Amino acid sequence: MPSSGEAAITAPQSAAGLSIPITGIAGDQQAALVGQACFAAGEAKNTYGTGCFLLVHLGQERRLPAGRLLLTSAVSEDTTGRPAAGYAIEGSVFIAGAAIQWLRDELQILSSAAQSEQLATSVPDTGGVVVVPAFTGLGAPYWDPYARGAILGLTRGTSRAHIVRATLEAIALQTADLVKAMSAEGICLTTLRVDGGGTANNFLMQLQADLLGFPVERARTQETTSLGAALLAGLGCGLITNTYTCRQLWQSDRTFTPHIPASVREQHYARWRKAVSRVAHWED
C-alpha cells in the first residue's frame, strides 16, 4: 500500500452520507521523515521524545544493514518530484526524554523538564559523572536487553546539577552512537534535522552538535510526525502537487554548529563507552 494515495474511505458521518477519503498513511518515524522534508539519499532526521529515533534516507536503494541497525520503508521522490517507494536506515534509542522524566518524577531533583537546561548550564561540566539510562536495556547499536541503568563517577562534590547535565549528555551520546553505527555502514552524515519535545532544550541541541561534529538543524515545527502525515494526505489528494513543495514548506528554527575540538569530543565518547561497558549484560 502506498503512503500517499487513497488508502480507505471513512464510513458515512452524517445523514447526507458524507465520507472522507484517507489519502496519507505512514508509521510514526516515517511520517516524521516526511515532515522534515527528507526525501533523498543522505538526508536524516532525529526525533527527541521518550526515546530517540534516527532515520537516514537511502533513496530507492534497498541496502540491508549489517545487523546493528534496521532497514525500514520511507517515502522517496521520483524525477518529477512525486512520492515514490524508498528506504531508510533506522536506529532507536530506548530512553531519552524518559530519563529527564525520571529525574523529575522519581528522583525529584527537577521541578519540570525545562529546568534541566538551567541546572545543566549552572556547572561547567559533569564533574566526571556519567549517566547510562539503560532502564529497559540498551537499543541500537548495542541491542542489550540485559543492560541496566547506572550513575557512575560520583564523588562527594557531585551535585544534582552534575547528574542532570550528565543525563542530557547521555541523550546526545546515545545519538552519537547511532551516527557512528551509520558511518560503519558507509553512511556519513553532514547535517541532522531534529524535532520532538527535547529539541526545546538549547543546551542539549548545542551539545548534540558538539558531540557529532556537524550542524544540527532544529525544525520550526516540533510536531513533524503530524506535519508529515498531513503532507502525505495533501500529496495523496492532489492538494500538494509534488515533494518539492514539501521542501519549500519546511522551515528551520535554528542551526547549532559544533564548537569543541575533535580531541575533546573523543574524550567524551571514550568515557561514555567505558560506562556502557560497566552496565552491559548486568542481568543474567
C-alpha atoms as a PDB file:
ATOM      1  CA  MET A   1       0.000   0.000   0.000  1.00  0.00           C
ATOM      2  CA  PRO A   2       1.488   3.400  -0.959  1.00  0.00           C
ATOM      3  CA  SER A   3       1.952   6.003   1.768  1.00  0.00           C
ATOM      4  CA  SER A   4       0.360   8.700  -0.378  1.00  0.00           C
ATOM      5  CA  GLY A   5      -2.872   7.999  -2.211  1.00  0.00           C
ATOM      6  CA  GLU A   6      -6.365   6.852  -1.348  1.00  0.00           C
ATOM      7  CA  ALA A   7      -5.965   4.069   1.212  1.00  0.00           C
ATOM      8  CA  ALA A   8      -9.518   3.903   2.545  1.00  0.00           C
ATOM      9  CA  ILE A   9     -12.758   5.837   2.944  1.00  0.00           C
ATOM     10  CA  THR A  10     -14.432   6.528   6.269  1.00  0.00           C
ATOM     11  CA  ALA A  11     -17.948   5.356   6.959  1.00  0.00           C
ATOM     12  CA  PRO A  12     -20.647   7.981   6.321  1.00  0.00           C
ATOM     13  CA  GLN A  13     -20.502  10.613   9.064  1.00  0.00           C
ATOM     14  CA  SER A  14     -23.872  12.279   8.562  1.00  0.00           C
ATOM     15  CA  ALA A  15     -27.374  11.743   7.228  1.00  0.00           C
ATOM     16  CA  ALA A  16     -26.115  13.162   3.952  1.00  0.00           C
ATOM     17  CA  GLY A  17     -23.742  10.215   3.693  1.00  0.00           C
ATOM     18  CA  LEU A  18     -20.540  12.253   3.784  1.00  0.00           C
ATOM     19  CA  SER A  19     -17.436  10.062   3.637  1.00  0.00           C
ATOM     20  CA  ILE A  20     -13.846  11.230   3.951  1.00  0.00           C
ATOM     21  CA  PRO A  21     -11.056   9.638   1.928  1.00  0.00           C
ATOM     22  CA  ILE A  22      -7.857   8.728   3.810  1.00  0.00           C
ATOM     23  CA  THR A  23      -5.043   9.705   1.446  1.00  0.00           C
ATOM     24  CA  GLY A  24      -1.971   9.530   3.666  1.00  0.00           C
ATOM     25  CA  ILE A  25      -0.744   6.694   5.867  1.00  0.00           C
ATOM     26  CA  ALA A  26       2.676   6.139   7.478  1.00  0.00           C
ATOM     27  CA  GLY A  27       4.309   4.983  10.670  1.00  0.00           C
ATOM     28  CA  ASP A  28       5.373   7.446  13.354  1.00  0.00           C
ATOM     29  CA  GLN A  29       9.028   7.893  12.407  1.00  0.00           C
ATOM     30  CA  GLN A  30       8.467   7.533   8.667  1.00  0.00           C
ATOM     31  CA  ALA A  31       5.934  10.354   8.847  1.00  0.00           C
ATOM     32  CA  ALA A  32       8.434  12.489  10.772  1.00  0.00           C
ATOM     33  CA  LEU A  33      10.968  11.889   7.983  1.00  0.00           C
ATOM     34  CA  VAL A  34       8.425  13.352   5.552  1.00  0.00           C
ATOM     35  CA  GLY A  35       7.680  16.213   7.950  1.00  0.00           C
ATOM     36  CA  GLN A  36      11.401  17.045   7.914  1.00  0.00           C
ATOM     37  CA  ALA A  37      11.307  17.061   4.086  1.00  0.00           C
ATOM     38  CA  CYS A  38      13.838  14.222   3.881  1.00  0.00           C
ATOM     39  CA  PHE A  39      13.101  12.525   0.571  1.00  0.00           C
ATOM     40  CA  ALA A  40      16.571  11.872  -0.878  1.00  0.00           C
ATOM     41  CA  ALA A  41      19.538   9.672  -0.025  1.00  0.00           C
ATOM     42  CA  GLY A  42      21.674  11.017   2.817  1.00  0.00           C
ATOM     43  CA  GLU A  43      19.001  13.267   4.327  1.00  0.00           C
ATOM     44  CA  ALA A  44      18.473  12.495   8.005  1.00  0.00           C
ATOM     45  CA  LYS A  45      16.294  13.379  10.980  1.00  0.00           C
ATOM     46  CA  ASN A  46      16.348  12.557  14.684  1.00  0.00           C
ATOM     47  CA  THR A  47      13.289  12.777  16.912  1.00  0.00           C
ATOM     48  CA  TYR A  48      13.809  13.512  20.630  1.00  0.00           C
ATOM     49  CA  GLY A  49      10.856  12.155  22.552  1.00  0.00           C
ATOM     50  CA  THR A  50      10.585   9.458  25.203  1.00  0.00           C
ATOM     51  CA  GLY A  51      13.264   7.762  23.121  1.00  0.00           C
ATOM     52  CA  CYS A  52      15.337   8.942  20.155  1.00  0.00           C
ATOM     53  CA  PHE A  53      14.817   7.737  16.602  1.00  0.00           C
ATOM     54  CA  LEU A  54      17.375   8.481  13.912  1.00  0.00           C
ATOM     55  CA  LEU A  55      16.407   7.780  10.294  1.00  0.00           C
ATOM     56  CA  VAL A  56      18.708   8.289   7.318  1.00  0.00           C
ATOM     57  CA  HIS A  57      17.145   8.162   3.870  1.00  0.00           C
ATOM     58  CA  LEU A  58      18.646   5.688   1.404  1.00  0.00           C
ATOM     59  CA  GLY A  59      16.671   6.856  -1.613  1.00  0.00           C
ATOM     60  CA  GLN A  60      15.363   3.878  -3.579  1.00  0.00           C
ATOM     61  CA  GLU A  61      18.319   1.662  -2.666  1.00  0.00           C
ATOM     62  CA  ARG A  62      17.342  -1.337  -0.555  1.00  0.00           C
ATOM     63  CA  ARG A  63      20.535  -1.749   1.459  1.00  0.00           C
ATOM     64  CA  LEU A  64      20.402  -4.297   4.272  1.00  0.00           C
ATOM     65  CA  PRO A  65      22.432  -3.143   7.311  1.00  0.00           C
ATOM     66  CA  ALA A  66      24.968  -5.443   8.945  1.00  0.00           C
ATOM     67  CA  GLY A  67      22.789  -6.121  11.993  1.00  0.00           C
ATOM     68  CA  ARG A  68      23.085  -3.210  14.449  1.00  0.00           C
ATOM     69  CA  LEU A  69      20.565  -1.035  12.591  1.00  0.00           C
ATOM     70  CA  LEU A  70      17.217  -1.608  10.890  1.00  0.00           C
ATOM     71  CA  LEU A  71      16.037  -1.217   7.313  1.00  0.00           C
ATOM     72  CA  THR A  72      12.649   0.472   7.073  1.00  0.00           C
ATOM     73  CA  SER A  73      10.321   1.846   4.413  1.00  0.00           C
ATOM     74  CA  ALA A  74      10.364   5.535   3.564  1.00  0.00           C
ATOM     75  CA  VAL A  75       8.775   7.917   1.106  1.00  0.00           C
ATOM     76  CA  SER A  76      11.179   8.864  -1.670  1.00  0.00           C
ATOM     77  CA  GLU A  77      10.674  11.088  -4.699  1.00  0.00           C
ATOM     78  CA  ASP A  78      10.901  10.284  -8.386  1.00  0.00           C
ATOM     79  CA  THR A  79      12.447  12.533 -11.036  1.00  0.00           C
ATOM     80  CA  THR A  80       9.252  14.602 -11.266  1.00  0.00           C
ATOM     81  CA  GLY A  81       9.008  15.141  -7.516  1.00  0.00           C
ATOM     82  CA  ARG A  82       6.129  12.760  -6.995  1.00  0.00           C
ATOM     83  CA  PRO A  83       6.219  10.467  -3.935  1.00  0.00           C
ATOM     84  CA  ALA A  84       7.644   7.016  -4.592  1.00  0.00           C
ATOM     85  CA  ALA A  85       8.671   3.950  -2.600  1.00  0.00           C
ATOM     86  CA  GLY A  86      12.003   4.331  -0.813  1.00  0.00           C
ATOM     87  CA  TYR A  87      14.033   3.067   2.103  1.00  0.00           C
ATOM     88  CA  ALA A  88      15.777   4.348   5.207  1.00  0.00           C
ATOM     89  CA  ILE A  89      18.095   3.022   7.884  1.00  0.00           C
ATOM     90  CA  GLU A  90      16.776   3.463  11.423  1.00  0.00           C
ATOM     91  CA  GLY A  91      18.469   3.455  14.805  1.00  0.00           C
ATOM     92  CA  SER A  92      16.461   3.516  18.033  1.00  0.00           C
ATOM     93  CA  VAL A  93      17.412   4.793  21.489  1.00  0.00           C
ATOM     94  CA  PHE A  94      15.005   3.399  24.083  1.00  0.00           C
ATOM     95  CA  ILE A  95      15.405   6.041  26.806  1.00  0.00           C
ATOM     96  CA  ALA A  96      15.952   9.744  26.067  1.00  0.00           C
ATOM     97  CA  GLY A  97      13.351  12.208  27.340  1.00  0.00           C
ATOM     98  CA  ALA A  98      12.135   9.471  29.684  1.00  0.00           C
ATOM     99  CA  ALA A  99      15.410   9.896  31.601  1.00  0.00           C
ATOM    100  CA  ILE A 100      14.566  13.544  32.269  1.00  0.00           C
ATOM    101  CA  GLN A 101      11.103  12.484  33.418  1.00  0.00           C
ATOM    102  CA  TRP A 102      12.801  10.033  35.792  1.00  0.00           C
ATOM    103  CA  LEU A 103      14.882  12.854  37.298  1.00  0.00           C
ATOM    104  CA  ARG A 104      11.686  14.853  37.786  1.00  0.00           C
ATOM    105  CA  ASP A 105       9.249  12.187  38.958  1.00  0.00           C
ATOM    106  CA  GLU A 106      11.338   9.543  40.744  1.00  0.00           C
ATOM    107  CA  LEU A 107      14.474  11.344  41.957  1.00  0.00           C
ATOM    108  CA  GLN A 108      12.566  14.653  42.252  1.00  0.00           C
ATOM    109  CA  ILE A 109      15.654  16.767  41.539  1.00  0.00           C
ATOM    110  CA  LEU A 110      13.772  18.702  38.862  1.00  0.00           C
ATOM    111  CA  SER A 111      10.521  20.587  39.223  1.00  0.00           C
ATOM    112  CA  SER A 112       9.994  20.477  35.434  1.00  0.00           C
ATOM    113  CA  ALA A 113      11.731  19.097  32.372  1.00  0.00           C
ATOM    114  CA  ALA A 114      12.504  22.644  31.243  1.00  0.00           C
ATOM    115  CA  GLN A 115      14.532  23.212  34.425  1.00  0.00           C
ATOM    116  CA  SER A 116      17.106  20.692  33.190  1.00  0.00           C
ATOM    117  CA  GLU A 117      18.681  23.272  30.869  1.00  0.00           C
ATOM    118  CA  GLN A 118      19.107  25.832  33.648  1.00  0.00           C
ATOM    119  CA  LEU A 119      20.687  23.291  36.002  1.00  0.00           C
ATOM    120  CA  ALA A 120      22.952  21.804  33.329  1.00  0.00           C
ATOM    121  CA  THR A 121      24.392  25.200  32.429  1.00  0.00           C
ATOM    122  CA  SER A 122      24.991  26.089  36.093  1.00  0.00           C
ATOM    123  CA  VAL A 123      28.076  23.819  36.136  1.00  0.00           C
ATOM    124  CA  PRO A 124      30.959  23.822  33.621  1.00  0.00           C
ATOM    125  CA  ASP A 125      30.911  20.035  33.132  1.00  0.00           C
ATOM    126  CA  THR A 126      29.561  16.833  34.675  1.00  0.00           C
ATOM    127  CA  GLY A 127      32.320  16.644  37.281  1.00  0.00           C
ATOM    128  CA  GLY A 128      33.252  13.214  35.923  1.00  0.00           C
ATOM    129  CA  VAL A 129      29.712  11.828  36.279  1.00  0.00           C
ATOM    130  CA  VAL A 130      28.303   9.608  33.530  1.00  0.00           C
ATOM    131  CA  VAL A 131      24.659   8.515  33.467  1.00  0.00           C
ATOM    132  CA  VAL A 132      23.712   5.459  31.429  1.00  0.00           C
ATOM    133  CA  PRO A 133      19.886   5.455  31.259  1.00  0.00           C
ATOM    134  CA  ALA A 134      19.528   1.782  30.341  1.00  0.00           C
ATOM    135  CA  PHE A 135      16.280   1.407  32.290  1.00  0.00           C
ATOM    136  CA  THR A 136      14.873  -1.034  29.733  1.00  0.00           C
ATOM    137  CA  GLY A 137      18.166  -2.251  28.338  1.00  0.00           C
ATOM    138  CA  LEU A 138      20.102  -0.618  25.515  1.00  0.00           C
ATOM    139  CA  GLY A 139      18.779  -0.219  21.981  1.00  0.00           C
ATOM    140  CA  ALA A 140      20.819   0.347  18.843  1.00  0.00           C
ATOM    141  CA  PRO A 141      23.642  -0.194  18.262  1.00  0.00           C
ATOM    142  CA  TYR A 142      24.086  -2.447  21.355  1.00  0.00           C
ATOM    143  CA  TRP A 143      20.795  -4.376  21.446  1.00  0.00           C
ATOM    144  CA  ASP A 144      21.403  -5.475  25.021  1.00  0.00           C
ATOM    145  CA  PRO A 145      18.111  -6.130  26.852  1.00  0.00           C
ATOM    146  CA  TYR A 146      20.038  -7.169  29.969  1.00  0.00           C
ATOM    147  CA  ALA A 147      21.854  -3.857  30.492  1.00  0.00           C
ATOM    148  CA  ARG A 148      20.597  -1.689  33.354  1.00  0.00           C
ATOM    149  CA  GLY A 149      20.904   1.970  34.234  1.00  0.00           C
ATOM    150  CA  ALA A 150      23.706   3.439  36.323  1.00  0.00           C
ATOM    151  CA  ILE A 151      25.182   6.697  37.584  1.00  0.00           C
ATOM    152  CA  LEU A 152      28.979   6.377  37.540  1.00  0.00           C
ATOM    153  CA  GLY A 153      31.812   8.640  38.669  1.00  0.00           C
ATOM    154  CA  LEU A 154      30.107  10.009  41.789  1.00  0.00           C
ATOM    155  CA  THR A 155      32.230  11.930  44.300  1.00  0.00           C
ATOM    156  CA  ARG A 156      31.479  13.887  47.473  1.00  0.00           C
ATOM    157  CA  GLY A 157      31.352  17.008  45.320  1.00  0.00           C
ATOM    158  CA  THR A 158      28.673  15.664  42.954  1.00  0.00           C
ATOM    159  CA  SER A 159      25.569  17.861  42.881  1.00  0.00           C
ATOM    160  CA  ARG A 160      22.173  17.415  41.284  1.00  0.00           C
ATOM    161  CA  ALA A 161      23.323  19.804  38.543  1.00  0.00           C
ATOM    162  CA  HIS A 162      26.109  17.382  37.605  1.00  0.00           C
ATOM    163  CA  ILE A 163      23.657  14.484  37.420  1.00  0.00           C
ATOM    164  CA  VAL A 164      21.209  16.483  35.300  1.00  0.00           C
ATOM    165  CA  ARG A 165      23.972  17.580  32.928  1.00  0.00           C
ATOM    166  CA  ALA A 166      25.254  14.003  32.652  1.00  0.00           C
ATOM    167  CA  THR A 167      21.736  12.784  31.835  1.00  0.00           C
ATOM    168  CA  LEU A 168      21.424  15.295  28.990  1.00  0.00           C
ATOM    169  CA  GLU A 169      24.870  14.245  27.777  1.00  0.00           C
ATOM    170  CA  ALA A 170      23.680  10.626  27.764  1.00  0.00           C
ATOM    171  CA  ILE A 171      20.869  11.541  25.357  1.00  0.00           C
ATOM    172  CA  ALA A 172      23.321  13.219  22.978  1.00  0.00           C
ATOM    173  CA  LEU A 173      25.895  10.432  23.322  1.00  0.00           C
ATOM    174  CA  GLN A 174      23.341   7.734  22.506  1.00  0.00           C
ATOM    175  CA  THR A 175      22.553   9.604  19.294  1.00  0.00           C
ATOM    176  CA  ALA A 176      26.286   9.809  18.597  1.00  0.00           C
ATOM    177  CA  ASP A 177      26.344   6.008  18.961  1.00  0.00           C
ATOM    178  CA  LEU A 178      23.761   5.772  16.185  1.00  0.00           C
ATOM    179  CA  VAL A 179      25.660   8.147  13.906  1.00  0.00           C
ATOM    180  CA  LYS A 180      28.859   6.127  14.398  1.00  0.00           C
ATOM    181  CA  ALA A 181      26.953   2.957  13.539  1.00  0.00           C
ATOM    182  CA  MET A 182      25.641   4.677  10.398  1.00  0.00           C
ATOM    183  CA  SER A 183      29.201   5.625   9.488  1.00  0.00           C
ATOM    184  CA  ALA A 184      30.243   1.995   9.835  1.00  0.00           C
ATOM    185  CA  GLU A 185      27.573   1.217   7.226  1.00  0.00           C
ATOM    186  CA  GLY A 186      29.181   3.728   4.862  1.00  0.00           C
ATOM    187  CA  ILE A 187      26.615   6.461   5.559  1.00  0.00           C
ATOM    188  CA  CYS A 188      28.372   9.673   6.585  1.00  0.00           C
ATOM    189  CA  LEU A 189      26.067  12.481   7.683  1.00  0.00           C
ATOM    190  CA  THR A 190      26.936  16.134   7.184  1.00  0.00           C
ATOM    191  CA  THR A 191      23.884  17.625   8.904  1.00  0.00           C
ATOM    192  CA  LEU A 192      20.989  16.413  11.035  1.00  0.00           C
ATOM    193  CA  ARG A 193      17.449  17.761  11.195  1.00  0.00           C
ATOM    194  CA  VAL A 194      15.886  17.405  14.641  1.00  0.00           C
ATOM    195  CA  ASP A 195      12.388  17.544  16.108  1.00  0.00           C
ATOM    196  CA  GLY A 196      10.418  16.494  19.175  1.00  0.00           C
ATOM    197  CA  GLY A 197       9.977  17.930  22.642  1.00  0.00           C
ATOM    198  CA  GLY A 198      13.637  17.520  23.618  1.00  0.00           C
ATOM    199  CA  THR A 199      14.739  19.974  20.935  1.00  0.00           C
ATOM    200  CA  ALA A 200      13.365  22.850  23.003  1.00  0.00           C
ATOM    201  CA  ASN A 201      16.458  22.407  25.206  1.00  0.00           C
ATOM    202  CA  ASN A 202      19.097  24.642  23.601  1.00  0.00           C
ATOM    203  CA  PHE A 203      21.866  23.174  25.754  1.00  0.00           C
ATOM    204  CA  LEU A 204      21.053  19.656  24.566  1.00  0.00           C
ATOM    205  CA  MET A 205      20.968  20.719  20.920  1.00  0.00           C
ATOM    206  CA  GLN A 206      24.304  22.553  21.152  1.00  0.00           C
ATOM    207  CA  LEU A 207      25.787  19.568  22.956  1.00  0.00           C
ATOM    208  CA  GLN A 208      24.467  17.296  20.206  1.00  0.00           C
ATOM    209  CA  ALA A 209      26.194  19.339  17.522  1.00  0.00           C
ATOM    210  CA  ASP A 210      29.410  19.365  19.572  1.00  0.00           C
ATOM    211  CA  LEU A 211      29.395  15.589  20.042  1.00  0.00           C
ATOM    212  CA  LEU A 212      28.530  14.867  16.403  1.00  0.00           C
ATOM    213  CA  GLY A 213      30.968  17.335  14.880  1.00  0.00           C
ATOM    214  CA  PHE A 214      28.500  18.666  12.315  1.00  0.00           C
ATOM    215  CA  PRO A 215      25.498  21.053  12.325  1.00  0.00           C
ATOM    216  CA  VAL A 216      22.143  20.238  13.884  1.00  0.00           C
ATOM    217  CA  GLU A 217      19.118  21.952  12.327  1.00  0.00           C
ATOM    218  CA  ARG A 218      16.074  22.391  14.528  1.00  0.00           C
ATOM    219  CA  ALA A 219      12.791  22.451  12.653  1.00  0.00           C
ATOM    220  CA  ARG A 220      10.403  25.302  13.368  1.00  0.00           C
ATOM    221  CA  THR A 221       7.636  22.721  13.758  1.00  0.00           C
ATOM    222  CA  GLN A 222       8.426  20.275  16.563  1.00  0.00           C
ATOM    223  CA  GLU A 223       5.463  18.004  15.778  1.00  0.00           C
ATOM    224  CA  THR A 224       6.850  16.818  12.453  1.00  0.00           C
ATOM    225  CA  THR A 225       5.076  13.452  12.643  1.00  0.00           C
ATOM    226  CA  SER A 226       1.694  15.205  12.405  1.00  0.00           C
ATOM    227  CA  LEU A 227       3.047  17.505   9.709  1.00  0.00           C
ATOM    228  CA  GLY A 228       4.360  14.540   7.717  1.00  0.00           C
ATOM    229  CA  ALA A 229       1.005  12.771   7.867  1.00  0.00           C
ATOM    230  CA  ALA A 230      -0.707  15.952   6.657  1.00  0.00           C
ATOM    231  CA  LEU A 231       1.785  16.367   3.810  1.00  0.00           C
ATOM    232  CA  LEU A 232       1.254  12.767   2.692  1.00  0.00           C
ATOM    233  CA  ALA A 233      -2.509  13.296   2.717  1.00  0.00           C
ATOM    234  CA  GLY A 234      -2.084  16.517   0.731  1.00  0.00           C
ATOM    235  CA  LEU A 235       0.060  14.745  -1.842  1.00  0.00           C
ATOM    236  CA  GLY A 236      -2.410  11.868  -1.998  1.00  0.00           C
ATOM    237  CA  CYS A 237      -5.439  14.022  -2.739  1.00  0.00           C
ATOM    238  CA  GLY A 238      -3.671  16.465  -5.057  1.00  0.00           C
ATOM    239  CA  LEU A 239      -3.767  19.441  -2.721  1.00  0.00           C
ATOM    240  CA  ILE A 240       0.062  19.403  -2.837  1.00  0.00           C
ATOM    241  CA  THR A 241       1.493  18.743  -6.282  1.00  0.00           C
ATOM    242  CA  ASN A 242       4.952  17.364  -5.502  1.00  0.00           C
ATOM    243  CA  THR A 243       7.622  16.811  -2.848  1.00  0.00           C
ATOM    244  CA  TYR A 244       9.425  19.970  -3.942  1.00  0.00           C
ATOM    245  CA  THR A 245       6.533  21.916  -2.414  1.00  0.00           C
ATOM    246  CA  CYS A 246       7.037  19.980   0.836  1.00  0.00           C
ATOM    247  CA  ARG A 247      10.678  21.068   0.851  1.00  0.00           C
ATOM    248  CA  GLN A 248       9.635  24.697   0.446  1.00  0.00           C
ATOM    249  CA  LEU A 249       7.214  24.384   3.361  1.00  0.00           C
ATOM    250  CA  TRP A 250       9.952  23.144   5.706  1.00  0.00           C
ATOM    251  CA  GLN A 251      11.466  25.909   7.852  1.00  0.00           C
ATOM    252  CA  SER A 252      14.488  25.970  10.138  1.00  0.00           C
ATOM    253  CA  ASP A 253      14.163  27.487  13.583  1.00  0.00           C
ATOM    254  CA  ARG A 254      17.878  27.455  14.438  1.00  0.00           C
ATOM    255  CA  THR A 255      21.106  25.772  13.378  1.00  0.00           C
ATOM    256  CA  PHE A 256      23.547  24.632  16.055  1.00  0.00           C
ATOM    257  CA  THR A 257      27.165  24.373  14.907  1.00  0.00           C
ATOM    258  CA  PRO A 258      29.894  22.438  16.775  1.00  0.00           C
ATOM    259  CA  HIS A 259      32.348  24.426  18.911  1.00  0.00           C
ATOM    260  CA  ILE A 260      34.565  21.830  20.595  1.00  0.00           C
ATOM    261  CA  PRO A 261      37.694  20.255  19.042  1.00  0.00           C
ATOM    262  CA  ALA A 262      37.682  16.637  17.907  1.00  0.00           C
ATOM    263  CA  SER A 263      40.033  15.628  20.738  1.00  0.00           C
ATOM    264  CA  VAL A 264      37.535  16.775  23.396  1.00  0.00           C
ATOM    265  CA  ARG A 265      34.718  15.040  21.522  1.00  0.00           C
ATOM    266  CA  GLU A 266      36.612  11.766  21.580  1.00  0.00           C
ATOM    267  CA  GLN A 267      37.315  12.122  25.312  1.00  0.00           C
ATOM    268  CA  HIS A 268      33.581  12.411  25.955  1.00  0.00           C
ATOM    269  CA  TYR A 269      32.879   9.397  23.808  1.00  0.00           C
ATOM    270  CA  ALA A 270      35.638   7.235  25.323  1.00  0.00           C
ATOM    271  CA  ARG A 271      34.272   7.864  28.839  1.00  0.00           C
ATOM    272  CA  TRP A 272      30.771   7.035  27.620  1.00  0.00           C
ATOM    273  CA  ARG A 273      31.847   3.738  26.071  1.00  0.00           C
ATOM    274  CA  LYS A 274      33.671   2.862  29.284  1.00  0.00           C
ATOM    275  CA  ALA A 275      30.479   3.500  31.272  1.00  0.00           C
ATOM    276  CA  VAL A 276      28.369   1.449  28.851  1.00  0.00           C
ATOM    277  CA  SER A 277      30.770  -1.473  29.253  1.00  0.00           C
ATOM    278  CA  ARG A 278      30.109  -1.400  33.009  1.00  0.00           C
ATOM    279  CA  VAL A 279      26.344  -1.843  32.668  1.00  0.00           C
ATOM    280  CA  ALA A 280      26.323  -4.302  29.740  1.00  0.00           C
ATOM    281  CA  HIS A 281      24.702  -7.679  30.446  1.00  0.00           C
ATOM    282  CA  TRP A 282      24.042  -6.651  34.070  1.00  0.00           C
ATOM    283  CA  GLU A 283      21.114  -9.038  34.385  1.00  0.00           C
ATOM    284  CA  ASP A 284      21.633 -12.740  33.743  1.00  0.00           C
END
